[in-house]
Amino acid sequence: QEAISALTHGKTIITIAHRLATIENADQILVIDGGTVVQKGTHKELLAQRGTYQEFIKIREQAEGWRIQQ
């Protein structure tokens, strides 16, 4: 993450990600649903809103410790 931050400082980078760690420090996050931008903001701003981003985070947190029983 530090190497990416150093290389991208002062540049516009478009990243498509499903992993929160990849985007949570971005200056702006666009949430796209069905080809339409449905939310825009920083990680902190999007968490404060009720919407797709907050739902994604909630589902991610619930699934974090999930494992298939053998």
PDB file of N, CA and C in Angstrom:
ATOM      1  N   GLN A   1       0.818  -1.189   0.000  1.00  0.00           N
ATOM      2  CA  GLN A   1       0.000   0.000   0.000  1.00  0.00           C
ATOM      3  C   GLN A   1       0.868   1.261   0.000  1.00  0.00           C
ATOM      4  N   GLU A   2       1.958   1.264   0.785  1.00  0.00           N
ATOM      5  CA  GLU A   2       2.822   2.440   0.841  1.00  0.00           C
ATOM      6  C   GLU A   2       3.474   2.723  -0.505  1.00  0.00           C
ATOM      7  N   ALA A   3       3.897   1.674  -1.199  1.00  0.00           N
ATOM      8  CA  ALA A   3       4.524   1.843  -2.515  1.00  0.00           C
ATOM      9  C   ALA A   3       3.533   2.435  -3.505  1.00  0.00           C
ATOM     10  N   ILE A   4       2.300   1.944  -3.477  1.00  0.00           N
ATOM     11  CA  ILE A   4       1.260   2.475  -4.365  1.00  0.00           C
ATOM     12  C   ILE A   4       0.999   3.934  -4.038  1.00  0.00           C
ATOM     13  N   SER A   5       0.915   4.273  -2.759  1.00  0.00           N
ATOM     14  CA  SER A   5       0.682   5.657  -2.349  1.00  0.00           C
ATOM     15  C   SER A   5       1.790   6.573  -2.852  1.00  0.00           C
ATOM     16  N   ALA A   6       3.029   6.131  -2.743  1.00  0.00           N
ATOM     17  CA  ALA A   6       4.157   6.942  -3.198  1.00  0.00           C
ATOM     18  C   ALA A   6       4.134   7.145  -4.711  1.00  0.00           C
ATOM     19  N   LEU A   7       3.817   6.101  -5.452  1.00  0.00           N
ATOM     20  CA  LEU A   7       3.789   6.188  -6.915  1.00  0.00           C
ATOM     21  C   LEU A   7       2.629   7.020  -7.438  1.00  0.00           C
ATOM     22  N   THR A   8       1.526   7.055  -6.710  1.00  0.00           N
ATOM     23  CA  THR A   8       0.328   7.723  -7.204  1.00  0.00           C
ATOM     24  C   THR A   8       0.134   9.130  -6.650  1.00  0.00           C
ATOM     25  N   HIS A   9       0.998   9.575  -5.758  1.00  0.00           N
ATOM     26  CA  HIS A   9       0.856  10.905  -5.159  1.00  0.00           C
ATOM     27  C   HIS A   9       0.810  11.986  -6.241  1.00  0.00           C
ATOM     28  N   GLY A  10      -0.206  12.826  -6.192  1.00  0.00           N
ATOM     29  CA  GLY A  10      -0.338  13.918  -7.150  1.00  0.00           C
ATOM     30  C   GLY A  10      -0.882  13.508  -8.504  1.00  0.00           C
ATOM     31  N   LYS A  11      -1.367  12.293  -8.613  1.00  0.00           N
ATOM     32  CA  LYS A  11      -1.886  11.794  -9.893  1.00  0.00           C
ATOM     33  C   LYS A  11      -3.332  11.349  -9.741  1.00  0.00           C
ATOM     34  N   THR A  12      -4.049  11.335 -10.847  1.00  0.00           N
ATOM     35  CA  THR A  12      -5.405  10.792 -10.866  1.00  0.00           C
ATOM     36  C   THR A  12      -5.320   9.333 -11.257  1.00  0.00           C
ATOM     37  N   ILE A  13      -5.837   8.476 -10.402  1.00  0.00           N
ATOM     38  CA  ILE A  13      -5.806   7.034 -10.627  1.00  0.00           C
ATOM     39  C   ILE A  13      -7.233   6.510 -10.545  1.00  0.00           C
ATOM     40  N   ILE A  14      -7.623   5.700 -11.501  1.00  0.00           N
ATOM     41  CA  ILE A  14      -8.933   5.050 -11.461  1.00  0.00           C
ATOM     42  C   ILE A  14      -8.692   3.594 -11.096  1.00  0.00           C
ATOM     43  N   THR A  15      -9.306   3.170  -9.998  1.00  0.00           N
ATOM     44  CA  THR A  15      -9.134   1.811  -9.496  1.00  0.00           C
ATOM     45  C   THR A  15     -10.493   1.151  -9.360  1.00  0.00           C
ATOM     46  N   ILE A  16     -10.601  -0.058  -9.838  1.00  0.00           N
ATOM     47  CA  ILE A  16     -11.816  -0.848  -9.636  1.00  0.00           C
ATOM     48  C   ILE A  16     -11.471  -1.872  -8.572  1.00  0.00           C
ATOM     49  N   ALA A  17     -12.227  -1.857  -7.476  1.00  0.00           N
ATOM     50  CA  ALA A  17     -11.850  -2.711  -6.349  1.00  0.00           C
ATOM     51  C   ALA A  17     -13.057  -3.286  -5.631  1.00  0.00           C
ATOM     52  N   HIS A  18     -12.857  -4.463  -5.081  1.00  0.00           N
ATOM     53  CA  HIS A  18     -13.836  -5.079  -4.195  1.00  0.00           C
ATOM     54  C   HIS A  18     -13.279  -5.133  -2.778  1.00  0.00           C
ATOM     55  N   ARG A  19     -11.982  -4.905  -2.645  1.00  0.00           N
ATOM     56  CA  ARG A  19     -11.340  -4.941  -1.327  1.00  0.00           C
ATOM     57  C   ARG A  19     -11.286  -3.543  -0.747  1.00  0.00           C
ATOM     58  N   LEU A  20     -11.818  -3.389   0.447  1.00  0.00           N
ATOM     59  CA  LEU A  20     -11.874  -2.097   1.112  1.00  0.00           C
ATOM     60  C   LEU A  20     -10.496  -1.473   1.284  1.00  0.00           C
ATOM     61  N   ALA A  21      -9.509  -2.262   1.666  1.00  0.00           N
ATOM     62  CA  ALA A  21      -8.167  -1.731   1.911  1.00  0.00           C
ATOM     63  C   ALA A  21      -7.587  -1.039   0.679  1.00  0.00           C
ATOM     64  N   THR A  22      -8.023  -1.443  -0.497  1.00  0.00           N
ATOM     65  CA  THR A  22      -7.516  -0.860  -1.738  1.00  0.00           C
ATOM     66  C   THR A  22      -7.982   0.576  -1.920  1.00  0.00           C
ATOM     67  N   ILE A  23      -9.164   0.907  -1.423  1.00  0.00           N
ATOM     68  CA  ILE A  23      -9.746   2.219  -1.716  1.00  0.00           C
ATOM     69  C   ILE A  23     -10.006   3.115  -0.514  1.00  0.00           C
ATOM     70  N   GLU A  24      -9.907   2.604   0.703  1.00  0.00           N
ATOM     71  CA  GLU A  24     -10.355   3.393   1.843  1.00  0.00           C
ATOM     72  C   GLU A  24      -9.572   4.686   2.058  1.00  0.00           C
ATOM     73  N   ASN A  25      -8.367   4.810   1.530  1.00  0.00           N
ATOM     74  CA  ASN A  25      -7.590   6.045   1.674  1.00  0.00           C
ATOM     75  C   ASN A  25      -7.665   6.947   0.444  1.00  0.00           C
ATOM     76  N   ALA A  26      -8.526   6.608  -0.497  1.00  0.00           N
ATOM     77  CA  ALA A  26      -8.663   7.415  -1.719  1.00  0.00           C
ATOM     78  C   ALA A  26      -9.276   8.780  -1.394  1.00  0.00           C
ATOM     79  N   ASP A  27      -8.906   9.789  -2.187  1.00  0.00           N
ATOM     80  CA  ASP A  27      -9.481  11.125  -2.013  1.00  0.00           C
ATOM     81  C   ASP A  27     -10.968  11.127  -2.335  1.00  0.00           C
ATOM     82  N   GLN A  28     -11.366  10.364  -3.343  1.00  0.00           N
ATOM     83  CA  GLN A  28     -12.769  10.253  -3.743  1.00  0.00           C
ATOM     84  C   GLN A  28     -13.060   8.810  -4.116  1.00  0.00           C
ATOM     85  N   ILE A  29     -14.213   8.325  -3.678  1.00  0.00           N
ATOM     86  CA  ILE A  29     -14.671   6.985  -4.023  1.00  0.00           C
ATOM     87  C   ILE A  29     -15.997   7.141  -4.749  1.00  0.00           C
ATOM     88  N   LEU A  30     -16.115   6.513  -5.904  1.00  0.00           N
ATOM     89  CA  LEU A  30     -17.378   6.493  -6.635  1.00  0.00           C
ATOM     90  C   LEU A  30     -17.967   5.099  -6.501  1.00  0.00           C
ATOM     91  N   VAL A  31     -19.214   5.020  -6.071  1.00  0.00           N
ATOM     92  CA  VAL A  31     -19.906   3.743  -5.961  1.00  0.00           C
ATOM     93  C   VAL A  31     -20.792   3.615  -7.188  1.00  0.00           C
ATOM     94  N   ILE A  32     -20.568   2.571  -7.971  1.00  0.00           N
ATOM     95  CA  ILE A  32     -21.307   2.370  -9.213  1.00  0.00           C
ATOM     96  C   ILE A  32     -22.203   1.155  -9.064  1.00  0.00           C
ATOM     97  N   ASP A  33     -23.468   1.328  -9.394  1.00  0.00           N
ATOM     98  CA  ASP A  33     -24.443   0.240  -9.322  1.00  0.00           C
ATOM     99  C   ASP A  33     -25.221   0.231 -10.629  1.00  0.00           C
ATOM    100  N   GLY A  34     -25.152  -0.866 -11.349  1.00  0.00           N
ATOM    101  CA  GLY A  34     -25.858  -0.970 -12.621  1.00  0.00           C
ATOM    102  C   GLY A  34     -25.395   0.038 -13.654  1.00  0.00           C
ATOM    103  N   GLY A  35     -24.108   0.407 -13.593  1.00  0.00           N
ATOM    104  CA  GLY A  35     -23.558   1.347 -14.563  1.00  0.00           C
ATOM    105  C   GLY A  35     -23.789   2.810 -14.224  1.00  0.00           C
ATOM    106  N   THR A  36     -24.408   3.079 -13.082  1.00  0.00           N
ATOM    107  CA  THR A  36     -24.706   4.450 -12.668  1.00  0.00           C
ATOM    108  C   THR A  36     -23.988   4.772 -11.363  1.00  0.00           C
ATOM    109  N   VAL A  37     -23.399   5.967 -11.271  1.00  0.00           N
ATOM    110  CA  VAL A  37     -22.780   6.398 -10.018  1.00  0.00           C
ATOM    111  C   VAL A  37     -23.903   6.708  -9.035  1.00  0.00           C
ATOM    112  N   VAL A  38     -23.934   5.961  -7.935  1.00  0.00           N
ATOM    113  CA  VAL A  38     -25.003   6.134  -6.948  1.00  0.00           C
ATOM    114  C   VAL A  38     -24.527   6.854  -5.693  1.00  0.00           C
ATOM    115  N   GLN A  39     -23.215   6.899  -5.473  1.00  0.00           N
ATOM    116  CA  GLN A  39     -22.652   7.618  -4.338  1.00  0.00           C
ATOM    117  C   GLN A  39     -21.250   8.097  -4.690  1.00  0.00           C
ATOM    118  N   LYS A  40     -20.838   9.185  -4.019  1.00  0.00           N
ATOM    119  CA  LYS A  40     -19.505   9.735  -4.235  1.00  0.00           C
ATOM    120  C   LYS A  40     -19.061  10.413  -2.949  1.00  0.00           C
ATOM    121  N   GLY A  41     -17.809  10.174  -2.562  1.00  0.00           N
ATOM    122  CA  GLY A  41     -17.272  10.824  -1.373  1.00  0.00           C
ATOM    123  C   GLY A  41     -16.049  10.097  -0.862  1.00  0.00           C
ATOM    124  N   THR A  42     -15.579  10.512   0.304  1.00  0.00           N
ATOM    125  CA  THR A  42     -14.472   9.813   0.946  1.00  0.00           C
ATOM    126  C   THR A  42     -15.033   8.607   1.686  1.00  0.00           C
ATOM    127  N   HIS A  43     -14.150   7.746   2.147  1.00  0.00           N
ATOM    128  CA  HIS A  43     -14.568   6.573   2.922  1.00  0.00           C
ATOM    129  C   HIS A  43     -15.418   7.018   4.119  1.00  0.00           C
ATOM    130  N   LYS A  44     -14.940   8.005   4.833  1.00  0.00           N
ATOM    131  CA  LYS A  44     -15.644   8.497   6.027  1.00  0.00           C
ATOM    132  C   LYS A  44     -17.012   9.084   5.669  1.00  0.00           C
ATOM    133  N   GLU A  45     -17.073   9.870   4.596  1.00  0.00           N
ATOM    134  CA  GLU A  45     -18.348  10.462   4.167  1.00  0.00           C
ATOM    135  C   GLU A  45     -19.352   9.386   3.759  1.00  0.00           C
ATOM    136  N   LEU A  46     -18.881   8.389   3.019  1.00  0.00           N
ATOM    137  CA  LEU A  46     -19.776   7.332   2.546  1.00  0.00           C
ATOM    138  C   LEU A  46     -20.275   6.452   3.688  1.00  0.00           C
ATOM    139  N   LEU A  47     -19.443   6.244   4.704  1.00  0.00           N
ATOM    140  CA  LEU A  47     -19.888   5.472   5.867  1.00  0.00           C
ATOM    141  C   LEU A  47     -20.996   6.202   6.621  1.00  0.00           C
ATOM    142  N   ALA A  48     -20.971   7.529   6.597  1.00  0.00           N
ATOM    143  CA  ALA A  48     -21.975   8.327   7.305  1.00  0.00           C
ATOM    144  C   ALA A  48     -23.324   8.337   6.581  1.00  0.00           C
ATOM    145  N   GLN A  49     -23.320   7.986   5.306  1.00  0.00           N
ATOM    146  CA  GLN A  49     -24.560   7.965   4.519  1.00  0.00           C
ATOM    147  C   GLN A  49     -25.187   6.577   4.574  1.00  0.00           C
ATOM    148  N   ARG A  50     -26.479   6.527   4.436  1.00  0.00           N
ATOM    149  CA  ARG A  50     -27.143   5.230   4.276  1.00  0.00           C
ATOM    150  C   ARG A  50     -27.188   4.949   2.786  1.00  0.00           C
ATOM    151  N   GLY A  51     -26.520   3.888   2.387  1.00  0.00           N
ATOM    152  CA  GLY A  51     -26.499   3.595   0.963  1.00  0.00           C
ATOM    153  C   GLY A  51     -25.722   2.334   0.659  1.00  0.00           C
ATOM    154  N   THR A  52     -25.413   2.182  -0.612  1.00  0.00           N
ATOM    155  CA  THR A  52     -24.750   0.990  -1.119  1.00  0.00           C
ATOM    156  C   THR A  52     -23.400   0.760  -0.454  1.00  0.00           C
ATOM    157  N   TYR A  53     -22.610   1.806  -0.283  1.00  0.00           N
ATOM    158  CA  TYR A  53     -21.278   1.666   0.311  1.00  0.00           C
ATOM    159  C   TYR A  53     -21.377   1.166   1.748  1.00  0.00           C
ATOM    160  N   GLN A  54     -22.248   1.768   2.523  1.00  0.00           N
ATOM    161  CA  GLN A  54     -22.428   1.355   3.915  1.00  0.00           C
ATOM    162  C   GLN A  54     -22.894  -0.102   3.996  1.00  0.00           C
ATOM    163  N   GLU A  55     -23.793  -0.498   3.104  1.00  0.00           N
ATOM    164  CA  GLU A  55     -24.267  -1.890   3.059  1.00  0.00           C
ATOM    165  C   GLU A  55     -23.121  -2.843   2.731  1.00  0.00           C
ATOM    166  N   PHE A  56     -22.296  -2.460   1.764  1.00  0.00           N
ATOM    167  CA  PHE A  56     -21.138  -3.276   1.392  1.00  0.00           C
ATOM    168  C   PHE A  56     -20.216  -3.483   2.594  1.00  0.00           C
ATOM    169  N   ILE A  57     -19.956  -2.419   3.322  1.00  0.00           N
ATOM    170  CA  ILE A  57     -19.079  -2.495   4.489  1.00  0.00           C
ATOM    171  C   ILE A  57     -19.690  -3.408   5.547  1.00  0.00           C
ATOM    172  N   LYS A  58     -20.982  -3.267   5.781  1.00  0.00           N
ATOM    173  CA  LYS A  58     -21.669  -4.088   6.777  1.00  0.00           C
ATOM    174  C   LYS A  58     -21.585  -5.576   6.418  1.00  0.00           C
ATOM    175  N   ILE A  59     -21.858  -5.899   5.162  1.00  0.00           N
ATOM    176  CA  ILE A  59     -21.792  -7.293   4.706  1.00  0.00           C
ATOM    177  C   ILE A  59     -20.364  -7.815   4.817  1.00  0.00           C
ATOM    178  N   ARG A  60     -19.404  -6.993   4.452  1.00  0.00           N
ATOM    179  CA  ARG A  60     -17.985  -7.379   4.527  1.00  0.00           C
ATOM    180  C   ARG A  60     -17.586  -7.694   5.966  1.00  0.00           C
ATOM    181  N   GLU A  61     -17.993  -6.854   6.892  1.00  0.00           N
ATOM    182  CA  GLU A  61     -17.657  -7.066   8.300  1.00  0.00           C
ATOM    183  C   GLU A  61     -18.298  -8.341   8.838  1.00  0.00           C
ATOM    184  N   GLN A  62     -19.529  -8.620   8.438  1.00  0.00           N
ATOM    185  CA  GLN A  62     -20.217  -9.827   8.891  1.00  0.00           C
ATOM    186  C   GLN A  62     -19.543 -11.082   8.347  1.00  0.00           C
ATOM    187  N   ALA A  63     -18.996 -11.008   7.153  1.00  0.00           N
ATOM    188  CA  ALA A  63     -18.401 -12.176   6.500  1.00  0.00           C
ATOM    189  C   ALA A  63     -16.944 -12.408   6.897  1.00  0.00           C
ATOM    190  N   GLU A  64     -16.326 -11.455   7.574  1.00  0.00           N
ATOM    191  CA  GLU A  64     -14.899 -11.529   7.843  1.00  0.00           C
ATOM    192  C   GLU A  64     -14.444 -12.807   8.542  1.00  0.00           C
ATOM    193  N   GLY A  65     -15.149 -13.287   9.536  1.00  0.00           N
ATOM    194  CA  GLY A  65     -14.715 -14.472  10.252  1.00  0.00           C
ATOM    195  C   GLY A  65     -15.355 -15.759   9.765  1.00  0.00           C
ATOM    196  N   TRP A  66     -16.108 -15.676   8.687  1.00  0.00           N
ATOM    197  CA  TRP A  66     -16.863 -16.823   8.185  1.00  0.00           C
ATOM    198  C   TRP A  66     -15.936 -17.866   7.575  1.00  0.00           C
ATOM    199  N   ARG A  67     -16.160 -19.124   7.914  1.00  0.00           N
ATOM    200  CA  ARG A  67     -15.376 -20.229   7.364  1.00  0.00           C
ATOM    201  C   ARG A  67     -16.297 -21.415   7.101  1.00  0.00           C
ATOM    202  N   ILE A  68     -15.965 -22.246   6.128  1.00  0.00           N
ATOM    203  CA  ILE A  68     -16.717 -23.474   5.841  1.00  0.00           C
ATOM    204  C   ILE A  68     -16.292 -24.529   6.858  1.00  0.00           C
ATOM    205  N   GLN A  69     -17.268 -25.125   7.518  1.00  0.00           N
ATOM    206  CA  GLN A  69     -16.986 -26.180   8.494  1.00  0.00           C
ATOM    207  C   GLN A  69     -16.650 -27.475   7.770  1.00  0.00           C
ATOM    208  N   GLN A  70     -15.659 -28.191   8.256  1.00  0.00           N
ATOM    209  CA  GLN A  70     -15.275 -29.461   7.634  1.00  0.00           C
ATOM    210  C   GLN A  70     -15.784 -30.629   8.433  1.00  0.00           C
TER     211      GLN A  70
END
